[in-house]
Amino acid sequence: MSVYKKPEFLYFGSSQRYEVLLPDQAYEKGGKKGSVNVVGATSVRDIALAFALGAVPDETGQQDRVMDYQFESGKTTMLYIKGHPNFGGKGYVYKLSPKGFKFTGGTQWVNPAPVKPVEVTEINVDDYLYLCRNATEEEKRQIEENFTER
């Protein structure tokens, strides 16, 4: 039994609108596909907001982004390595009951069952651009090294 207390609500962010969140292929660190299908959620609303900004492919058709969350300060930054947010578009933040979710570390929670949101908030991506930026060349190099080492 985990000693970590479940928050009152969890959050999920997407550039797509869903009535029910369905379990999807989980990814392990390093971008490798995991062996289970789950609905992933976070206990930090700003992280969900950053994911709701979407990811539009660059001119080569590629997109890649990494979440940078600072536990001490609570600062949330989505780093775009390839591609960019969905400028001028909409995003969705899902408020979820923690029932059925299990804590997996950091701010992450997972549920193997479909999840019906308690509430869905539509956002204007451009209102939340302060939550993201392009990764520097040095950050891109470090991220690449970290992912290929695993």
N, C-alpha and C. Protein backbone atom coordinates (compact mmCIF):
# COMPACT_ATOMS: atom_id res chain seq x y z
N MET A 1 0.84 -1.19 0.00
CA MET A 1 0.00 0.00 0.00
C MET A 1 0.88 1.24 0.00
N SER A 2 0.55 2.19 -0.87
CA SER A 2 1.33 3.41 -0.98
C SER A 2 1.00 4.36 0.17
N VAL A 3 2.03 5.03 0.68
CA VAL A 3 1.81 6.03 1.72
C VAL A 3 1.52 7.39 1.08
N TYR A 4 1.64 7.47 -0.25
CA TYR A 4 1.38 8.72 -0.96
C TYR A 4 -0.13 8.95 -0.99
N LYS A 5 -0.56 10.12 -0.53
CA LYS A 5 -1.98 10.45 -0.48
C LYS A 5 -2.48 10.89 -1.86
N LYS A 6 -3.59 10.29 -2.28
CA LYS A 6 -4.18 10.69 -3.56
C LYS A 6 -4.69 12.12 -3.47
N PRO A 7 -4.46 12.91 -4.52
CA PRO A 7 -5.00 14.27 -4.53
C PRO A 7 -6.52 14.23 -4.74
N GLU A 8 -7.17 15.34 -4.50
CA GLU A 8 -8.62 15.41 -4.68
C GLU A 8 -8.99 15.18 -6.14
N PHE A 9 -8.17 15.72 -7.07
CA PHE A 9 -8.40 15.54 -8.50
C PHE A 9 -7.07 15.30 -9.20
N LEU A 10 -7.14 14.64 -10.35
CA LEU A 10 -6.01 14.47 -11.25
C LEU A 10 -6.37 15.18 -12.56
N TYR A 11 -5.36 15.35 -13.44
CA TYR A 11 -5.58 16.10 -14.68
C TYR A 11 -4.93 15.39 -15.86
N PHE A 12 -5.52 15.62 -17.03
CA PHE A 12 -5.02 15.10 -18.29
C PHE A 12 -5.17 16.21 -19.31
N GLY A 13 -4.15 16.42 -20.15
CA GLY A 13 -4.22 17.47 -21.16
C GLY A 13 -4.07 16.90 -22.55
N SER A 14 -4.84 17.43 -23.50
CA SER A 14 -4.80 16.95 -24.87
C SER A 14 -5.23 18.06 -25.83
N SER A 15 -4.78 17.93 -27.06
CA SER A 15 -5.25 18.83 -28.11
C SER A 15 -6.55 18.30 -28.71
N GLN A 16 -7.01 17.13 -28.25
CA GLN A 16 -8.24 16.50 -28.74
C GLN A 16 -9.31 16.49 -27.65
N ARG A 17 -10.56 16.55 -28.06
CA ARG A 17 -11.70 16.49 -27.13
C ARG A 17 -12.22 15.06 -27.11
N TYR A 18 -12.35 14.51 -25.90
CA TYR A 18 -12.86 13.15 -25.70
C TYR A 18 -13.98 13.16 -24.67
N GLU A 19 -14.94 12.28 -24.85
CA GLU A 19 -15.99 12.10 -23.84
C GLU A 19 -15.50 11.17 -22.74
N VAL A 20 -14.71 10.18 -23.14
CA VAL A 20 -14.13 9.20 -22.21
C VAL A 20 -12.67 9.01 -22.61
N LEU A 21 -11.78 8.99 -21.62
CA LEU A 21 -10.37 8.73 -21.90
C LEU A 21 -10.14 7.22 -21.89
N LEU A 22 -9.61 6.71 -22.98
CA LEU A 22 -9.39 5.27 -23.11
C LEU A 22 -7.93 4.92 -22.85
N PRO A 23 -7.69 3.76 -22.23
CA PRO A 23 -6.30 3.33 -22.01
C PRO A 23 -5.55 3.27 -23.34
N ASP A 24 -4.32 3.70 -23.29
CA ASP A 24 -3.47 3.75 -24.48
C ASP A 24 -2.12 3.14 -24.11
N GLN A 25 -1.32 2.83 -25.12
CA GLN A 25 0.00 2.23 -24.91
C GLN A 25 0.85 3.15 -24.04
N ALA A 26 1.33 2.62 -22.93
CA ALA A 26 2.20 3.39 -22.05
C ALA A 26 3.60 3.44 -22.64
N TYR A 27 4.32 4.50 -22.32
CA TYR A 27 5.71 4.64 -22.76
C TYR A 27 6.60 4.71 -21.54
N GLU A 28 7.72 4.01 -21.62
CA GLU A 28 8.70 4.05 -20.55
C GLU A 28 9.69 5.17 -20.83
N LYS A 29 10.54 5.47 -19.87
CA LYS A 29 11.58 6.46 -20.10
C LYS A 29 12.41 6.02 -21.29
N GLY A 30 12.80 6.97 -22.09
CA GLY A 30 13.57 6.65 -23.28
C GLY A 30 12.69 6.46 -24.49
N GLY A 31 11.36 6.65 -24.32
CA GLY A 31 10.44 6.58 -25.44
C GLY A 31 10.10 5.17 -25.90
N LYS A 32 10.50 4.15 -25.12
CA LYS A 32 10.18 2.78 -25.49
C LYS A 32 8.75 2.46 -25.09
N LYS A 33 8.04 1.72 -25.95
CA LYS A 33 6.67 1.33 -25.63
C LYS A 33 6.70 0.37 -24.44
N GLY A 34 5.80 0.59 -23.50
CA GLY A 34 5.68 -0.28 -22.35
C GLY A 34 4.79 -1.47 -22.69
N SER A 35 4.50 -2.27 -21.69
CA SER A 35 3.74 -3.49 -21.92
C SER A 35 2.28 -3.39 -21.49
N VAL A 36 1.86 -2.22 -21.02
CA VAL A 36 0.48 -2.08 -20.55
C VAL A 36 -0.21 -0.89 -21.21
N ASN A 37 -1.53 -0.97 -21.26
CA ASN A 37 -2.35 0.14 -21.73
C ASN A 37 -2.96 0.80 -20.51
N VAL A 38 -2.82 2.12 -20.41
CA VAL A 38 -3.33 2.86 -19.25
C VAL A 38 -3.79 4.24 -19.68
N VAL A 39 -4.59 4.86 -18.83
CA VAL A 39 -4.87 6.29 -18.91
C VAL A 39 -3.87 6.93 -17.96
N GLY A 40 -3.04 7.82 -18.49
CA GLY A 40 -2.07 8.52 -17.65
C GLY A 40 -2.63 9.86 -17.21
N ALA A 41 -2.27 10.28 -16.02
CA ALA A 41 -2.75 11.57 -15.49
C ALA A 41 -1.66 12.16 -14.61
N THR A 42 -1.83 13.42 -14.29
CA THR A 42 -0.89 14.13 -13.42
C THR A 42 -1.64 14.81 -12.28
N SER A 43 -0.93 15.00 -11.18
CA SER A 43 -1.51 15.72 -10.04
C SER A 43 -1.30 17.23 -10.18
N VAL A 44 -0.59 17.67 -11.23
CA VAL A 44 -0.28 19.09 -11.42
C VAL A 44 -1.03 19.62 -12.64
N ARG A 45 -1.97 20.53 -12.42
CA ARG A 45 -2.80 21.05 -13.51
C ARG A 45 -1.97 21.72 -14.60
N ASP A 46 -0.90 22.45 -14.24
CA ASP A 46 -0.08 23.11 -15.26
C ASP A 46 0.58 22.11 -16.21
N ILE A 47 0.90 20.92 -15.73
CA ILE A 47 1.47 19.91 -16.63
C ILE A 47 0.42 19.51 -17.65
N ALA A 48 -0.81 19.29 -17.21
CA ALA A 48 -1.89 18.95 -18.15
C ALA A 48 -2.11 20.10 -19.13
N LEU A 49 -2.07 21.33 -18.65
CA LEU A 49 -2.21 22.50 -19.54
C LEU A 49 -1.12 22.50 -20.61
N ALA A 50 0.12 22.18 -20.22
CA ALA A 50 1.22 22.17 -21.19
C ALA A 50 1.00 21.10 -22.26
N PHE A 51 0.47 19.94 -21.88
CA PHE A 51 0.18 18.90 -22.88
C PHE A 51 -1.00 19.30 -23.77
N ALA A 52 -1.91 20.11 -23.24
CA ALA A 52 -3.06 20.56 -24.03
C ALA A 52 -2.66 21.54 -25.14
N LEU A 53 -1.43 22.04 -25.12
CA LEU A 53 -0.96 22.96 -26.16
C LEU A 53 -0.76 22.26 -27.50
N GLY A 54 -0.73 20.93 -27.48
CA GLY A 54 -0.58 20.17 -28.71
C GLY A 54 0.85 20.15 -29.21
N ALA A 55 1.05 19.45 -30.33
CA ALA A 55 2.37 19.37 -30.97
C ALA A 55 2.17 19.28 -32.47
N VAL A 56 2.51 20.35 -33.16
CA VAL A 56 2.39 20.41 -34.61
C VAL A 56 3.75 20.05 -35.21
N PRO A 57 3.78 19.14 -36.18
CA PRO A 57 5.07 18.74 -36.78
C PRO A 57 5.79 19.91 -37.44
N ASP A 58 7.13 19.80 -37.48
CA ASP A 58 7.94 20.80 -38.17
C ASP A 58 7.90 20.56 -39.68
N GLU A 59 8.70 21.32 -40.42
CA GLU A 59 8.69 21.23 -41.89
C GLU A 59 9.13 19.86 -42.42
N THR A 60 9.79 19.05 -41.57
CA THR A 60 10.19 17.70 -41.97
C THR A 60 9.16 16.65 -41.56
N GLY A 61 8.06 17.10 -40.92
CA GLY A 61 7.01 16.18 -40.49
C GLY A 61 7.26 15.56 -39.13
N GLN A 62 8.25 16.06 -38.39
CA GLN A 62 8.58 15.49 -37.09
C GLN A 62 8.11 16.37 -35.95
N GLN A 63 7.79 15.71 -34.85
CA GLN A 63 7.45 16.43 -33.62
C GLN A 63 8.03 15.68 -32.44
N ASP A 64 8.49 16.41 -31.47
CA ASP A 64 9.03 15.81 -30.25
C ASP A 64 9.02 16.89 -29.18
N ARG A 65 8.61 16.51 -28.01
CA ARG A 65 8.57 17.46 -26.89
C ARG A 65 8.81 16.70 -25.60
N VAL A 66 9.33 17.41 -24.62
CA VAL A 66 9.68 16.82 -23.33
C VAL A 66 9.19 17.76 -22.23
N MET A 67 8.60 17.16 -21.19
CA MET A 67 8.14 17.95 -20.05
C MET A 67 9.31 18.19 -19.09
N ASP A 68 9.48 19.45 -18.68
CA ASP A 68 10.47 19.81 -17.68
C ASP A 68 9.70 20.37 -16.49
N TYR A 69 9.60 19.58 -15.42
CA TYR A 69 8.88 20.02 -14.23
C TYR A 69 9.87 20.11 -13.08
N GLN A 70 9.93 21.27 -12.45
CA GLN A 70 10.83 21.50 -11.32
C GLN A 70 10.05 21.30 -10.01
N PHE A 71 10.32 20.20 -9.32
CA PHE A 71 9.56 19.87 -8.11
C PHE A 71 9.69 20.94 -7.03
N GLU A 72 10.88 21.51 -6.87
CA GLU A 72 11.08 22.49 -5.79
C GLU A 72 10.24 23.75 -6.00
N SER A 73 10.24 24.26 -7.23
CA SER A 73 9.54 25.52 -7.50
C SER A 73 8.13 25.31 -8.08
N GLY A 74 7.87 24.12 -8.63
CA GLY A 74 6.60 23.88 -9.29
C GLY A 74 6.55 24.43 -10.71
N LYS A 75 7.69 24.94 -11.21
CA LYS A 75 7.73 25.51 -12.57
C LYS A 75 7.57 24.41 -13.60
N THR A 76 6.65 24.63 -14.52
CA THR A 76 6.33 23.68 -15.59
C THR A 76 6.72 24.28 -16.93
N THR A 77 7.50 23.53 -17.71
CA THR A 77 7.88 23.99 -19.05
C THR A 77 7.85 22.80 -20.01
N MET A 78 7.08 22.93 -21.08
CA MET A 78 7.11 21.94 -22.16
C MET A 78 8.19 22.40 -23.13
N LEU A 79 9.22 21.57 -23.31
CA LEU A 79 10.31 21.89 -24.21
C LEU A 79 10.03 21.24 -25.57
N TYR A 80 9.92 22.06 -26.59
CA TYR A 80 9.71 21.55 -27.95
C TYR A 80 11.07 21.32 -28.60
N ILE A 81 11.33 20.08 -28.97
CA ILE A 81 12.58 19.70 -29.63
C ILE A 81 12.39 19.80 -31.14
N LYS A 82 11.27 19.28 -31.61
CA LYS A 82 10.88 19.35 -33.01
C LYS A 82 9.40 19.72 -33.05
N GLY A 83 9.03 20.59 -33.96
CA GLY A 83 7.64 21.02 -34.04
C GLY A 83 7.38 22.18 -33.09
N HIS A 84 6.09 22.46 -32.87
CA HIS A 84 5.70 23.61 -32.04
C HIS A 84 4.27 23.41 -31.52
N PRO A 85 3.85 24.26 -30.58
CA PRO A 85 2.46 24.19 -30.10
C PRO A 85 1.48 24.49 -31.23
N ASN A 86 0.24 24.18 -31.00
CA ASN A 86 -0.82 24.44 -31.99
C ASN A 86 -1.26 25.90 -31.90
N PHE A 87 -0.39 26.80 -32.35
CA PHE A 87 -0.66 28.24 -32.27
C PHE A 87 -2.05 28.56 -32.82
N GLY A 88 -2.81 29.36 -32.07
CA GLY A 88 -4.13 29.77 -32.51
C GLY A 88 -5.21 28.71 -32.34
N GLY A 89 -4.82 27.53 -31.84
CA GLY A 89 -5.77 26.43 -31.71
C GLY A 89 -6.37 26.30 -30.33
N LYS A 90 -7.09 25.23 -30.13
CA LYS A 90 -7.74 24.90 -28.86
C LYS A 90 -7.06 23.69 -28.24
N GLY A 91 -7.18 23.57 -26.95
CA GLY A 91 -6.72 22.42 -26.20
C GLY A 91 -7.75 22.10 -25.13
N TYR A 92 -7.55 20.97 -24.46
CA TYR A 92 -8.53 20.51 -23.48
C TYR A 92 -7.83 20.00 -22.23
N VAL A 93 -8.32 20.45 -21.08
CA VAL A 93 -7.82 19.98 -19.80
C VAL A 93 -8.94 19.21 -19.12
N TYR A 94 -8.64 17.98 -18.78
CA TYR A 94 -9.61 17.06 -18.19
C TYR A 94 -9.36 16.95 -16.70
N LYS A 95 -10.39 17.22 -15.92
CA LYS A 95 -10.33 17.06 -14.47
C LYS A 95 -10.89 15.67 -14.17
N LEU A 96 -10.12 14.86 -13.44
CA LEU A 96 -10.47 13.46 -13.23
C LEU A 96 -10.56 13.10 -11.76
N SER A 97 -11.46 12.20 -11.44
CA SER A 97 -11.50 11.61 -10.10
C SER A 97 -10.28 10.70 -9.98
N PRO A 98 -9.64 10.67 -8.81
CA PRO A 98 -8.48 9.79 -8.65
C PRO A 98 -8.86 8.30 -8.45
N LYS A 99 -10.15 8.02 -8.39
CA LYS A 99 -10.60 6.64 -8.17
C LYS A 99 -10.07 5.73 -9.28
N GLY A 100 -9.43 4.64 -8.90
CA GLY A 100 -8.91 3.67 -9.85
C GLY A 100 -7.49 3.96 -10.31
N PHE A 101 -6.95 5.14 -9.98
CA PHE A 101 -5.59 5.49 -10.38
C PHE A 101 -4.58 5.00 -9.34
N LYS A 102 -3.42 4.61 -9.83
CA LYS A 102 -2.31 4.20 -8.98
C LYS A 102 -1.14 5.15 -9.22
N PHE A 103 -0.47 5.52 -8.14
CA PHE A 103 0.68 6.42 -8.19
C PHE A 103 1.89 5.68 -8.77
N THR A 104 2.56 6.30 -9.76
CA THR A 104 3.74 5.65 -10.35
C THR A 104 5.02 6.44 -10.14
N GLY A 105 4.94 7.58 -9.48
CA GLY A 105 6.13 8.37 -9.20
C GLY A 105 6.00 9.79 -9.70
N GLY A 106 6.73 10.68 -9.05
CA GLY A 106 6.71 12.09 -9.46
C GLY A 106 5.32 12.67 -9.34
N THR A 107 4.75 13.06 -10.47
CA THR A 107 3.38 13.59 -10.49
C THR A 107 2.47 12.66 -11.29
N GLN A 108 2.97 11.47 -11.63
CA GLN A 108 2.26 10.58 -12.55
C GLN A 108 1.40 9.53 -11.85
N TRP A 109 0.22 9.35 -12.45
CA TRP A 109 -0.75 8.37 -11.97
C TRP A 109 -1.28 7.61 -13.20
N VAL A 110 -1.63 6.34 -13.02
CA VAL A 110 -2.16 5.55 -14.14
C VAL A 110 -3.39 4.76 -13.72
N ASN A 111 -4.26 4.51 -14.71
CA ASN A 111 -5.47 3.73 -14.50
C ASN A 111 -5.64 2.83 -15.72
N PRO A 112 -5.79 1.51 -15.51
CA PRO A 112 -5.94 0.61 -16.66
C PRO A 112 -7.34 0.63 -17.27
N ALA A 113 -8.27 1.32 -16.65
CA ALA A 113 -9.66 1.34 -17.11
C ALA A 113 -9.99 2.66 -17.81
N PRO A 114 -11.01 2.67 -18.66
CA PRO A 114 -11.47 3.94 -19.24
C PRO A 114 -11.89 4.91 -18.12
N VAL A 115 -11.72 6.20 -18.37
CA VAL A 115 -12.01 7.21 -17.35
C VAL A 115 -12.93 8.27 -17.95
N LYS A 116 -14.05 8.50 -17.29
CA LYS A 116 -14.97 9.57 -17.69
C LYS A 116 -14.59 10.81 -16.89
N PRO A 117 -14.26 11.92 -17.57
CA PRO A 117 -13.86 13.14 -16.87
C PRO A 117 -14.98 13.71 -15.99
N VAL A 118 -14.58 14.33 -14.90
CA VAL A 118 -15.50 15.06 -14.04
C VAL A 118 -15.87 16.37 -14.73
N GLU A 119 -14.88 16.94 -15.43
CA GLU A 119 -15.05 18.24 -16.09
C GLU A 119 -14.03 18.35 -17.22
N VAL A 120 -14.41 19.01 -18.31
CA VAL A 120 -13.49 19.28 -19.41
C VAL A 120 -13.49 20.78 -19.68
N THR A 121 -12.31 21.37 -19.68
CA THR A 121 -12.17 22.80 -19.93
C THR A 121 -11.47 23.01 -21.26
N GLU A 122 -12.11 23.76 -22.16
CA GLU A 122 -11.48 24.11 -23.43
C GLU A 122 -10.61 25.33 -23.21
N ILE A 123 -9.39 25.30 -23.73
CA ILE A 123 -8.48 26.44 -23.59
C ILE A 123 -8.07 26.97 -24.95
N ASN A 124 -7.66 28.22 -24.99
CA ASN A 124 -7.02 28.81 -26.15
C ASN A 124 -5.53 28.62 -25.97
N VAL A 125 -4.91 27.89 -26.87
CA VAL A 125 -3.48 27.58 -26.76
C VAL A 125 -2.65 28.83 -26.53
N ASP A 126 -2.94 29.89 -27.27
CA ASP A 126 -2.12 31.11 -27.19
C ASP A 126 -2.13 31.75 -25.80
N ASP A 127 -3.14 31.45 -24.97
CA ASP A 127 -3.21 32.00 -23.61
C ASP A 127 -2.23 31.31 -22.65
N TYR A 128 -1.65 30.18 -23.06
CA TYR A 128 -0.80 29.39 -22.16
C TYR A 128 0.59 29.15 -22.73
N LEU A 129 1.00 29.95 -23.69
CA LEU A 129 2.31 29.76 -24.30
C LEU A 129 3.46 29.99 -23.33
N TYR A 130 3.19 30.65 -22.19
CA TYR A 130 4.21 30.83 -21.17
C TYR A 130 4.65 29.49 -20.57
N LEU A 131 3.88 28.42 -20.82
CA LEU A 131 4.22 27.09 -20.30
C LEU A 131 5.15 26.31 -21.25
N CYS A 132 5.59 26.93 -22.34
CA CYS A 132 6.44 26.19 -23.27
C CYS A 132 7.50 27.08 -23.89
N ARG A 133 8.49 26.42 -24.48
CA ARG A 133 9.52 27.12 -25.25
C ARG A 133 10.26 26.09 -26.09
N ASN A 134 11.02 26.59 -27.07
CA ASN A 134 11.86 25.70 -27.86
C ASN A 134 13.08 25.33 -27.03
N ALA A 135 13.48 24.07 -27.12
CA ALA A 135 14.68 23.61 -26.43
C ALA A 135 15.90 24.24 -27.09
N THR A 136 16.90 24.57 -26.28
CA THR A 136 18.17 25.07 -26.82
C THR A 136 18.91 23.89 -27.47
N GLU A 137 19.92 24.20 -28.26
CA GLU A 137 20.72 23.13 -28.89
C GLU A 137 21.37 22.26 -27.82
N GLU A 138 21.84 22.86 -26.73
CA GLU A 138 22.45 22.09 -25.64
C GLU A 138 21.41 21.17 -24.98
N GLU A 139 20.22 21.69 -24.74
CA GLU A 139 19.16 20.85 -24.16
C GLU A 139 18.80 19.70 -25.09
N LYS A 140 18.72 19.97 -26.39
CA LYS A 140 18.43 18.92 -27.36
C LYS A 140 19.49 17.82 -27.29
N ARG A 141 20.76 18.22 -27.20
CA ARG A 141 21.85 17.26 -27.12
C ARG A 141 21.74 16.42 -25.85
N GLN A 142 21.48 17.07 -24.72
CA GLN A 142 21.36 16.36 -23.44
C GLN A 142 20.17 15.40 -23.46
N ILE A 143 19.06 15.84 -23.99
CA ILE A 143 17.86 14.99 -24.06
C ILE A 143 18.14 13.78 -24.93
N GLU A 144 18.76 13.99 -26.07
CA GLU A 144 19.10 12.89 -26.97
C GLU A 144 20.01 11.88 -26.28
N GLU A 145 21.01 12.37 -25.56
CA GLU A 145 21.92 11.48 -24.83
C GLU A 145 21.19 10.69 -23.76
N ASN A 146 20.31 11.35 -23.02
CA ASN A 146 19.56 10.68 -21.95
C ASN A 146 18.66 9.59 -22.49
N PHE A 147 17.99 9.86 -23.62
CA PHE A 147 17.07 8.87 -24.17
C PHE A 147 17.78 7.71 -24.84
N THR A 148 18.94 7.94 -25.43
CA THR A 148 19.63 6.85 -26.12
C THR A 148 20.43 5.99 -25.15
N GLU A 149 20.70 6.48 -23.94
CA GLU A 149 21.43 5.69 -22.94
C GLU A 149 20.57 4.59 -22.33
N ARG A 150 19.28 4.71 -22.39
CA ARG A 150 18.38 3.76 -21.71
C ARG A 150 18.06 2.56 -22.55
